[in-house]
């Protein structure tokens, strides 16, 4: 096969297939058809992503990048590329969707064609963000990923969904507006007046200009991650959104913010990053400890997991600004690990709520007696979430802490407090939900079926495979790490 004769590239397939699938599902008028076809389409997208891993060598470069004429009058082209970091996150997105659809398969939605159609459009937007090599294209897919989620949460959410989604809208709209202003400002300072990623990397910006623009980009990405103090939209939105939407938000969408730091903010504004690194790392560490403390006192499983996610993302954000090879390498693999682990926990939360009708920790107990398989799988996923050795998160967090220690021992010591706190709220949750005596609610609980067990087992297998054999991820992300460090060191 001659890569020069390629007709369609992997970025195109990964982007356009879920987009067209979403449009097709929107036209279906029967619930089961929408659900079943969405599952089939998501499996096909996963297959495309898996196949793309067979063509990562340099000789296959034409299969992994594409550029269309889009807005030549203003120097914007529809440029997409699958590099190491983008490929990992596209795979996470493709892997997560079949798991999400299977987990919520028994859930009945009004207007299911619209629900599943919007879910697939969100998937297309996420993949577009991870593949974009043009700032306007990046912004376009940034919005495409966010807008369907607003409708998914506001239409199919809980009783307080309007308040939660309104807060979500205000935060994300503000962040998007700041991001657009920042993109336009950098564009006006490029040498050839284009929105190309590489033109942005070589933009002529003084240190003072970078310091000002820094906050436009950073606040937009910080809201999406989110990190302290831009996090207040997250717990409410997670709690009120349908479980499928919450899984997308916490498992994949928060990675948009971390990815934005790595792909756009740090390489474009390296002088500002060095100027504000202590501020950002300080905010991240404060947020980690704060979120972990709040998680300890939560009685709602969804809110506990939401605050747990804030703590984990805060650690990644701190590592991005540590100017360390091991730190950024850890972040790239940890984005994938966190997505897998947090979705695994959401799967268990969804199963418990669907069967027992509650997420309140105080109303549960003794589930291990009734659901031993579920309890066993949950314990593995939960321990992976707190980075037990031989699990996937241990690899990522070890590298992150190593990188953070090279930057500052004090920040590392403070950040390590969150590990202890994570163990406290995780083990406390396991003990209260799965052990002890059953009550009037949990006495009727049943163990999970074969399909649900297989689905959780796949996640558990992924946890151990990455934990024991992370080398392929390091090899994939090596080009991103080299580029990141060269830009941060001033090699523009």
Protein backbone atom coordinates (compact mmCIF):
# COMPACT_ATOMS: atom_id res chain seq x y z
CA UNK A 1 0.00 0.00 0.00
CA UNK A 2 1.38 3.38 -1.04
CA UNK A 3 0.40 6.04 1.55
CA UNK A 4 0.66 8.69 -1.14
CA UNK A 5 -2.40 7.22 -2.86
CA UNK A 6 -4.57 7.47 0.24
CA UNK A 7 -8.19 8.39 -0.40
CA UNK A 8 -9.32 9.03 3.16
CA UNK A 9 -7.22 9.57 6.28
CA UNK A 10 -7.73 8.39 9.84
CA UNK A 11 -8.49 11.89 11.19
CA UNK A 12 -11.23 12.22 8.58
CA UNK A 13 -12.72 8.83 9.42
CA UNK A 14 -12.63 9.46 13.16
CA UNK A 15 -14.17 12.90 12.75
CA UNK A 16 -16.77 12.54 10.04
CA UNK A 17 -18.06 9.08 10.89
CA UNK A 18 -19.53 9.97 14.32
CA UNK A 19 -20.73 13.30 12.91
CA UNK A 20 -22.65 11.61 10.09
CA UNK A 21 -23.78 8.88 12.50
CA UNK A 22 -25.23 11.51 14.81
CA UNK A 23 -27.13 13.14 11.97
CA UNK A 24 -28.49 9.75 10.85
CA UNK A 25 -29.60 8.85 14.39
CA UNK A 26 -31.39 12.20 14.71
CA UNK A 27 -33.59 11.16 11.78
CA UNK A 28 -34.63 7.85 13.32
CA UNK A 29 -38.07 7.82 14.89
CA UNK A 30 -37.97 4.64 16.99
CA UNK A 31 -36.18 4.46 20.32
CA UNK A 32 -34.67 1.01 19.95
CA UNK A 33 -33.37 1.84 16.49
CA UNK A 34 -31.65 4.99 17.74
CA UNK A 35 -30.11 3.12 20.67
CA UNK A 36 -28.98 0.10 18.68
CA UNK A 37 -27.58 2.04 15.75
CA UNK A 38 -25.74 4.41 18.08
CA UNK A 39 -24.06 1.42 19.71
CA UNK A 40 -23.14 -0.04 16.33
CA UNK A 41 -21.77 3.29 15.10
CA UNK A 42 -19.70 3.74 18.28
CA UNK A 43 -18.18 0.27 17.86
CA UNK A 44 -17.22 1.10 14.27
CA UNK A 45 -15.55 4.32 15.46
CA UNK A 46 -13.63 2.31 18.06
CA UNK A 47 -12.53 -0.12 15.34
CA UNK A 48 -11.21 2.75 13.20
CA UNK A 49 -9.28 4.08 16.19
CA UNK A 50 -7.76 0.68 16.95
CA UNK A 51 -6.74 0.16 13.31
CA UNK A 52 -5.05 3.57 13.28
CA UNK A 53 -2.52 2.29 15.83
CA UNK A 54 -1.13 0.01 13.13
CA UNK A 55 -0.08 3.03 11.05
CA UNK A 56 1.92 5.20 13.43
CA UNK A 57 5.30 5.03 11.68
CA UNK A 58 6.61 8.08 9.86
CA UNK A 59 6.11 6.41 6.46
CA UNK A 60 2.36 6.41 7.10
CA UNK A 61 2.23 10.16 7.78
CA UNK A 62 -0.11 10.84 4.81
CA UNK A 63 -2.68 8.57 6.49
CA UNK A 64 -2.57 10.61 9.68
CA UNK A 65 -2.96 14.19 8.49
CA UNK A 66 -5.15 16.15 6.11
CA UNK A 67 -5.83 19.76 5.22
CA UNK A 68 -8.76 21.24 3.28
CA UNK A 69 -9.32 24.71 1.91
CA UNK A 70 -11.74 26.31 4.35
CA UNK A 71 -11.39 30.07 4.86
CA UNK A 72 -8.36 31.01 2.73
CA UNK A 73 -9.30 34.71 2.84
CA UNK A 74 -8.28 34.87 6.51
CA UNK A 75 -5.63 32.15 6.45
CA UNK A 76 -7.57 29.29 8.00
CA UNK A 77 -7.47 25.74 6.66
CA UNK A 78 -9.35 22.68 7.87
CA UNK A 79 -6.19 20.99 9.11
CA UNK A 80 -6.31 17.76 11.13
CA UNK A 81 -3.56 15.45 12.35
CA UNK A 82 -3.26 12.38 14.53
CA UNK A 83 -0.06 12.72 16.53
CA UNK A 84 0.75 10.69 19.64
CA UNK A 85 -1.22 12.72 22.18
CA UNK A 86 -4.19 13.15 19.85
CA UNK A 87 -4.26 9.46 19.00
CA UNK A 88 -4.32 8.47 22.69
CA UNK A 89 -7.22 10.81 23.46
CA UNK A 90 -9.14 9.85 20.31
CA UNK A 91 -8.79 6.23 21.39
CA UNK A 92 -10.06 7.12 24.87
CA UNK A 93 -13.07 8.84 23.27
CA UNK A 94 -13.74 5.93 20.94
CA UNK A 95 -13.31 3.36 23.72
CA UNK A 96 -15.55 5.20 26.17
CA UNK A 97 -18.63 5.54 23.96
CA UNK A 98 -19.50 1.83 23.54
CA UNK A 99 -18.95 1.37 27.28
CA UNK A 100 -21.25 4.29 28.03
CA UNK A 101 -23.96 3.10 25.64
CA UNK A 102 -23.84 -0.45 27.01
CA UNK A 103 -23.90 0.75 30.62
CA UNK A 104 -26.99 2.88 30.05
CA UNK A 105 -28.60 0.51 27.53
CA UNK A 106 -31.55 -0.23 29.83
CA UNK A 107 -32.21 3.45 30.51
CA UNK A 108 -35.25 4.86 28.75
CA UNK A 109 -34.99 8.38 27.34
CA UNK A 110 -37.73 10.53 25.88
CA UNK A 111 -36.96 11.34 22.25
CA UNK A 112 -34.10 8.82 22.20
CA UNK A 113 -33.13 9.68 18.65
CA UNK A 114 -32.34 13.23 19.73
CA UNK A 115 -30.50 12.06 22.85
CA UNK A 116 -28.26 9.60 21.04
CA UNK A 117 -27.81 11.90 18.08
CA UNK A 118 -26.52 14.66 20.35
CA UNK A 119 -24.24 12.18 22.11
CA UNK A 120 -22.62 11.22 18.80
CA UNK A 121 -22.28 14.87 17.76
CA UNK A 122 -20.45 15.46 21.04
CA UNK A 123 -18.10 12.58 20.22
CA UNK A 124 -17.31 14.16 16.86
CA UNK A 125 -16.60 17.50 18.54
CA UNK A 126 -14.25 15.88 21.05
CA UNK A 127 -12.29 14.07 18.35
CA UNK A 128 -12.10 17.32 16.36
CA UNK A 129 -10.54 19.10 19.36
CA UNK A 130 -7.89 16.39 19.70
CA UNK A 131 -7.03 16.43 15.97
CA UNK A 132 -7.21 20.15 15.12
CA UNK A 133 -4.06 21.78 13.74
CA UNK A 134 -5.71 25.14 13.06
CA UNK A 135 -6.83 27.51 15.82
CA UNK A 136 -10.23 28.28 14.25
CA UNK A 137 -10.88 24.60 13.62
CA UNK A 138 -9.92 23.90 17.24
CA UNK A 139 -12.36 26.57 18.42
CA UNK A 140 -15.12 25.28 16.13
CA UNK A 141 -14.91 21.77 17.57
CA UNK A 142 -14.46 23.14 21.08
CA UNK A 143 -17.93 24.63 20.71
CA UNK A 144 -19.35 21.61 18.87
CA UNK A 145 -18.40 19.44 21.83
CA UNK A 146 -19.97 21.80 24.38
CA UNK A 147 -23.28 22.82 22.79
CA UNK A 148 -24.86 19.33 22.57
CA UNK A 149 -23.92 18.68 26.21
CA UNK A 150 -25.85 21.74 27.29
CA UNK A 151 -29.02 20.39 25.67
CA UNK A 152 -28.40 16.84 26.90
CA UNK A 153 -28.11 18.03 30.49
CA UNK A 154 -30.94 20.58 30.35
CA UNK A 155 -33.49 18.26 28.71
CA UNK A 156 -32.69 14.86 30.23
CA UNK A 157 -31.17 15.93 33.55
CA UNK A 158 -32.47 15.82 37.13
CA UNK A 159 -34.92 18.04 38.99
CA UNK A 160 -32.44 20.90 39.38
CA UNK A 161 -31.07 20.59 35.87
CA UNK A 162 -32.01 24.13 34.77
CA UNK A 163 -29.98 25.81 37.52
CA UNK A 164 -27.05 23.45 36.96
CA UNK A 165 -27.00 23.81 33.18
CA UNK A 166 -27.40 27.56 33.40
CA UNK A 167 -24.29 27.74 35.56
CA UNK A 168 -22.56 25.38 33.12
CA UNK A 169 -23.55 27.65 30.23
CA UNK A 170 -22.34 30.85 31.91
CA UNK A 171 -18.97 29.33 32.78
CA UNK A 172 -18.35 27.68 29.42
CA UNK A 173 -19.66 30.63 27.38
CA UNK A 174 -17.36 33.00 29.26
CA UNK A 175 -14.42 30.66 28.77
CA UNK A 176 -15.17 30.26 25.07
CA UNK A 177 -15.40 34.02 24.57
CA UNK A 178 -12.05 34.57 26.29
CA UNK A 179 -10.49 31.80 24.19
CA UNK A 180 -11.75 33.37 20.96
CA UNK A 181 -10.36 36.78 21.90
CA UNK A 182 -6.99 35.18 22.69
CA UNK A 183 -6.94 33.27 19.40
CA UNK A 184 -7.69 36.42 17.39
CA UNK A 185 -4.99 38.40 19.20
CA UNK A 186 -2.32 35.78 18.51
CA UNK A 187 -3.50 35.48 14.89
CA UNK A 188 -2.92 39.21 14.42
CA UNK A 189 0.68 38.72 15.53
CA UNK A 190 1.56 35.79 13.27
CA UNK A 191 4.07 36.44 10.51
CA UNK A 192 1.91 35.08 7.68
CA UNK A 193 -1.56 35.88 9.10
CA UNK A 194 -2.78 32.29 9.40
CA UNK A 195 -4.48 30.31 12.13
CA UNK A 196 -2.11 27.37 11.66
CA UNK A 197 -0.85 25.79 14.87
CA UNK A 198 2.74 26.25 13.73
CA UNK A 199 2.13 29.90 12.86
CA UNK A 200 0.84 30.37 16.40
CA UNK A 201 3.99 28.71 17.74
CA UNK A 202 6.06 31.33 15.90
CA UNK A 203 3.91 34.38 16.62
CA UNK A 204 5.78 37.57 17.55
CA UNK A 205 4.64 38.30 21.08
CA UNK A 206 6.56 40.24 23.70
CA UNK A 207 6.76 38.98 27.28
CA UNK A 208 4.23 41.61 28.38
CA UNK A 209 1.80 40.59 25.61
CA UNK A 210 2.17 36.91 26.50
CA UNK A 211 1.48 37.66 30.16
CA UNK A 212 -1.77 39.40 29.24
CA UNK A 213 -2.98 36.83 26.72
CA UNK A 214 -2.04 33.99 29.06
CA UNK A 215 -5.14 34.53 31.20
CA UNK A 216 -7.47 34.49 28.20
CA UNK A 217 -6.32 31.01 27.27
CA UNK A 218 -5.74 29.73 30.78
CA UNK A 219 -9.14 30.68 32.21
CA UNK A 220 -10.89 29.03 29.24
CA UNK A 221 -8.96 25.80 29.77
CA UNK A 222 -9.15 26.02 33.58
CA UNK A 223 -12.95 26.21 33.44
CA UNK A 224 -13.11 23.14 31.28
CA UNK A 225 -10.74 21.01 33.40
CA UNK A 226 -11.85 22.45 35.94
CA UNK A 227 -9.39 23.61 38.58
CA UNK A 228 -9.85 25.80 41.64
CA UNK A 229 -11.42 28.39 41.72
CA UNK A 230 -13.15 27.78 38.36
CA UNK A 231 -14.67 24.46 39.44
CA UNK A 232 -18.03 25.35 40.99
CA UNK A 233 -20.07 24.42 37.90
CA UNK A 234 -18.81 20.84 37.91
CA UNK A 235 -20.40 19.08 40.94
CA UNK A 236 -23.87 20.44 40.18
CA UNK A 237 -23.64 19.58 36.49
CA UNK A 238 -22.35 16.07 37.18
CA UNK A 239 -25.08 15.47 39.75
CA UNK A 240 -27.95 16.69 37.57
CA UNK A 241 -26.84 15.32 34.20
CA UNK A 242 -27.94 11.88 32.96
CA UNK A 243 -25.33 9.24 33.80
CA UNK A 244 -24.27 8.86 30.15
CA UNK A 245 -23.60 12.60 29.91
CA UNK A 246 -21.76 12.66 33.23
CA UNK A 247 -19.46 9.90 31.96
CA UNK A 248 -18.64 11.94 28.86
CA UNK A 249 -18.06 15.08 30.90
CA UNK A 250 -15.76 13.54 33.51
CA UNK A 251 -14.16 10.78 31.47
CA UNK A 252 -13.38 12.69 28.28
CA UNK A 253 -14.44 16.33 28.17
CA UNK A 254 -12.31 17.55 31.07
CA UNK A 255 -9.30 16.33 29.06
CA UNK A 256 -10.05 19.09 26.54
CA UNK A 257 -8.73 21.61 29.05
CA UNK A 258 -5.56 19.68 29.88
CA UNK A 259 -4.99 19.00 26.18
CA UNK A 260 -5.49 22.71 25.44
CA UNK A 261 -2.68 23.56 27.85
CA UNK A 262 -0.33 21.09 26.19
CA UNK A 263 -1.21 21.76 22.56
CA UNK A 264 -1.90 25.50 22.58
CA UNK A 265 -1.18 27.50 25.73
CA UNK A 266 2.30 26.35 26.78
CA UNK A 267 3.94 26.21 23.30
CA UNK A 268 2.37 29.51 22.19
CA UNK A 269 3.05 31.47 25.40
CA UNK A 270 6.21 29.94 26.94
CA UNK A 271 7.42 33.19 28.56
CA UNK A 272 4.09 33.69 30.31
CA UNK A 273 4.06 30.06 31.44
CA UNK A 274 7.41 30.55 33.16
CA UNK A 275 6.16 33.80 34.69
CA UNK A 276 2.97 32.32 36.14
CA UNK A 277 4.03 28.74 36.84
CA UNK A 278 4.03 29.18 40.64
CA UNK A 279 0.59 30.80 40.55
CA UNK A 280 -0.96 27.97 38.52
CA UNK A 281 0.73 25.18 40.45
CA UNK A 282 -0.30 26.84 43.70
CA UNK A 283 -3.93 27.05 42.59
CA UNK A 284 -3.81 23.44 41.44
CA UNK A 285 -2.42 22.14 44.73
CA UNK A 286 -4.90 24.17 46.80
CA UNK A 287 -7.70 22.82 44.63
CA UNK A 288 -6.50 19.23 45.06
CA UNK A 289 -6.55 19.44 48.85
CA UNK A 290 -9.80 21.42 48.94
CA UNK A 291 -11.64 19.05 46.57
CA UNK A 292 -10.36 15.98 48.44
CA UNK A 293 -11.57 17.37 51.77
CA UNK A 294 -15.00 18.15 50.30
CA UNK A 295 -15.18 14.64 48.79
CA UNK A 296 -14.68 13.09 52.24
CA UNK A 297 -17.94 14.59 53.58
CA UNK A 298 -20.13 13.89 50.54
CA UNK A 299 -23.16 11.65 50.90
CA UNK A 300 -24.00 11.57 47.18
CA UNK A 301 -21.91 9.19 45.08
CA UNK A 302 -22.00 11.48 42.05
CA UNK A 303 -20.74 14.49 43.99
CA UNK A 304 -18.02 12.42 45.65
CA UNK A 305 -16.72 11.27 42.27
CA UNK A 306 -17.01 14.84 40.92
CA UNK A 307 -14.77 16.26 43.63
CA UNK A 308 -12.40 13.33 43.23
CA UNK A 309 -12.06 14.25 39.57
CA UNK A 310 -11.23 17.87 40.43
CA UNK A 311 -8.37 16.66 42.62
CA UNK A 312 -6.94 14.37 39.93
CA UNK A 313 -7.15 17.00 37.19
CA UNK A 314 -5.50 19.54 39.50
CA UNK A 315 -2.49 17.24 39.77
CA UNK A 316 -2.24 17.00 35.98
CA UNK A 317 -2.46 20.78 35.62
CA UNK A 318 0.35 21.26 38.16
CA UNK A 319 2.55 18.80 36.27
CA UNK A 320 2.01 20.58 32.94
CA UNK A 321 3.58 23.72 34.46
CA UNK A 322 6.46 21.85 36.12
CA UNK A 323 8.67 22.10 32.99
CA UNK A 324 9.67 18.45 33.32
CA UNK A 325 9.90 15.61 30.82
CA UNK A 326 8.64 13.02 33.29
CA UNK A 327 5.87 15.36 34.42
CA UNK A 328 4.43 15.94 30.94
CA UNK A 329 4.91 12.27 30.03
CA UNK A 330 2.94 11.37 33.15
CA UNK A 331 0.16 13.79 32.24
CA UNK A 332 -0.23 12.34 28.75
CA UNK A 333 -0.65 8.79 30.02
CA UNK A 334 -2.66 9.90 33.06
CA UNK A 335 -5.28 11.60 30.89
CA UNK A 336 -6.04 8.20 29.41
CA UNK A 337 -5.84 6.42 32.78
CA UNK A 338 -8.10 8.88 34.53
CA UNK A 339 -10.67 8.57 31.75
CA UNK A 340 -10.73 4.78 32.02
CA UNK A 341 -10.85 4.72 35.83
CA UNK A 342 -13.43 7.44 36.32
CA UNK A 343 -15.75 5.92 33.72
CA UNK A 344 -15.40 2.58 35.52
CA UNK A 345 -16.53 4.22 38.75
CA UNK A 346 -19.43 5.94 36.98
CA UNK A 347 -20.49 2.57 35.56
CA UNK A 348 -20.78 1.21 39.10
CA UNK A 349 -22.66 4.30 40.30
CA UNK A 350 -25.09 3.94 37.39
CA UNK A 351 -25.69 0.26 38.20
CA UNK A 352 -26.34 1.00 41.85
CA UNK A 353 -28.71 3.88 41.14
CA UNK A 354 -30.61 1.99 38.44
CA UNK A 355 -31.15 -1.04 40.65
CA UNK A 356 -31.73 0.61 44.05
CA UNK A 357 -33.02 4.03 43.07
CA UNK A 358 -30.56 6.00 45.22
CA UNK A 359 -27.03 7.38 45.20
CA UNK A 360 -27.00 8.30 48.89
CA UNK A 361 -24.09 6.61 50.67
CA UNK A 362 -25.97 6.77 53.99
CA UNK A 363 -28.83 4.74 52.50
CA UNK A 364 -26.59 1.94 51.20
CA UNK A 365 -24.58 -0.81 52.84
CA UNK A 366 -23.82 -4.50 52.65
CA UNK A 367 -23.89 -4.66 48.86
CA UNK A 368 -20.94 -7.05 48.80
CA UNK A 369 -23.20 -9.71 50.30
CA UNK A 370 -25.70 -9.32 47.46
CA UNK A 371 -23.40 -8.28 44.62
CA UNK A 372 -19.99 -9.88 45.18
CA UNK A 373 -18.91 -9.58 41.54
CA UNK A 374 -19.80 -5.89 41.43
CA UNK A 375 -18.01 -5.31 44.75
CA UNK A 376 -14.84 -7.06 43.55
CA UNK A 377 -14.67 -5.13 40.29
CA UNK A 378 -15.45 -1.81 42.00
CA UNK A 379 -12.69 -2.34 44.55
CA UNK A 380 -10.16 -2.89 41.76
CA UNK A 381 -11.25 0.21 39.85
CA UNK A 382 -11.37 2.32 43.03
CA UNK A 383 -7.89 1.23 44.10
CA UNK A 384 -6.63 2.05 40.62
CA UNK A 385 -8.15 5.51 41.03
CA UNK A 386 -5.92 6.06 44.08
CA UNK A 387 -2.87 4.80 42.16
CA UNK A 388 -2.21 1.43 43.73
CA UNK A 389 1.03 -0.09 42.33
CA UNK A 390 0.55 -2.33 39.26
CA UNK A 391 -2.50 -0.30 38.22
CA UNK A 392 -2.51 2.24 35.39
CA UNK A 393 -2.80 5.37 37.57
CA UNK A 394 0.33 4.43 39.52
CA UNK A 395 2.44 4.82 36.39
CA UNK A 396 1.02 8.24 35.55
CA UNK A 397 1.05 9.64 39.08
CA UNK A 398 4.58 8.39 39.78
CA UNK A 399 5.88 10.27 36.74
CA UNK A 400 3.81 13.33 37.61
CA UNK A 401 5.11 13.51 41.17
CA UNK A 402 8.64 12.92 39.91
CA UNK A 403 8.31 15.88 37.56
CA UNK A 404 6.67 18.06 40.21
CA UNK A 405 9.44 17.20 42.70
CA UNK A 406 12.07 18.43 40.24
CA UNK A 407 10.20 21.75 40.18
CA UNK A 408 9.58 22.08 43.92
CA UNK A 409 9.76 19.73 46.88
CA UNK A 410 7.29 21.85 48.83
CA UNK A 411 4.59 21.68 46.16
CA UNK A 412 5.17 17.94 45.89
CA UNK A 413 4.77 17.45 49.63
CA UNK A 414 1.52 19.45 49.68
CA UNK A 415 0.19 17.65 46.60
CA UNK A 416 0.99 14.30 48.23
CA UNK A 417 -1.53 15.13 50.98
CA UNK A 418 -4.24 14.59 48.36
CA UNK A 419 -3.09 10.96 47.97
CA UNK A 420 -3.81 10.33 51.64
CA UNK A 421 -7.15 12.13 51.42
CA UNK A 422 -8.06 10.16 48.28
CA UNK A 423 -7.45 6.92 50.13
CA UNK A 424 -9.67 8.18 52.97
CA UNK A 425 -12.73 9.04 50.88
CA UNK A 426 -12.31 6.07 48.54
CA UNK A 427 -11.97 3.43 51.26
CA UNK A 428 -14.70 5.11 53.28
CA UNK A 429 -17.04 4.92 50.29
CA UNK A 430 -16.21 1.25 49.69
CA UNK A 431 -16.78 0.39 53.35
CA UNK A 432 -20.10 2.22 53.67
CA UNK A 433 -21.58 1.13 50.36
CA UNK A 434 -20.39 -2.47 50.04
CA UNK A 435 -19.67 -3.71 53.54
CA UNK A 436 -21.48 -3.78 56.86
CA UNK A 437 -25.06 -4.94 57.20
CA UNK A 438 -27.73 -4.75 54.53
CA UNK A 439 -30.77 -2.55 55.10
CA UNK A 440 -34.31 -2.33 53.78
CA UNK A 441 -33.04 -0.89 50.48
CA UNK A 442 -30.02 -3.09 49.80
CA UNK A 443 -31.51 -6.36 51.02
CA UNK A 444 -33.23 -6.78 47.66
CA UNK A 445 -30.10 -6.04 45.62
CA UNK A 446 -28.97 -8.52 42.98
CA UNK A 447 -25.59 -9.15 41.46
CA UNK A 448 -24.78 -7.75 38.04
CA UNK A 449 -25.48 -9.73 34.88
CA UNK A 450 -22.94 -11.28 32.54
CA UNK A 451 -22.95 -8.35 30.11
CA UNK A 452 -22.31 -5.81 32.87
CA UNK A 453 -19.59 -8.00 34.38
CA UNK A 454 -17.86 -8.33 30.99
CA UNK A 455 -17.99 -4.58 30.47
CA UNK A 456 -16.43 -3.82 33.85
CA UNK A 457 -13.91 -6.60 33.31
CA UNK A 458 -12.72 -4.91 30.12
CA UNK A 459 -12.01 -1.78 32.13
CA UNK A 460 -10.20 -3.82 34.79
CA UNK A 461 -8.08 -5.52 32.10
CA UNK A 462 -7.17 -2.10 30.67
CA UNK A 463 -6.17 -0.95 34.16
CA UNK A 464 -3.70 -3.80 34.61
CA UNK A 465 -2.40 -3.83 31.02
CA UNK A 466 -1.43 -0.16 31.14
CA UNK A 467 -0.15 -0.53 34.70
CA UNK A 468 2.16 -3.41 33.80
CA UNK A 469 3.06 -2.48 30.20
CA UNK A 470 2.90 1.32 29.66
CA UNK A 471 5.72 1.43 27.11
CA UNK A 472 3.46 1.78 24.00
CA UNK A 473 1.91 4.92 25.47
CA UNK A 474 5.34 6.42 26.13
CA UNK A 475 6.42 5.70 22.57
CA UNK A 476 3.24 7.26 21.16
CA UNK A 477 3.52 10.43 23.18
CA UNK A 478 7.27 10.92 22.81
CA UNK A 479 6.95 13.37 19.89
CA UNK A 480 4.49 15.50 21.86
CA UNK A 481 6.82 15.58 24.87
CA UNK A 482 9.82 16.64 22.76
CA UNK A 483 7.86 19.39 21.03
CA UNK A 484 6.36 20.59 24.32
CA UNK A 485 9.73 20.90 26.07
CA UNK A 486 11.42 22.54 23.08
CA UNK A 487 8.75 25.26 22.96
CA UNK A 488 8.78 25.81 26.70
CA UNK A 489 12.56 26.19 26.71
CA UNK A 490 12.22 29.01 24.19
CA UNK A 491 12.92 27.09 20.99
CA UNK A 492 10.25 28.85 18.96
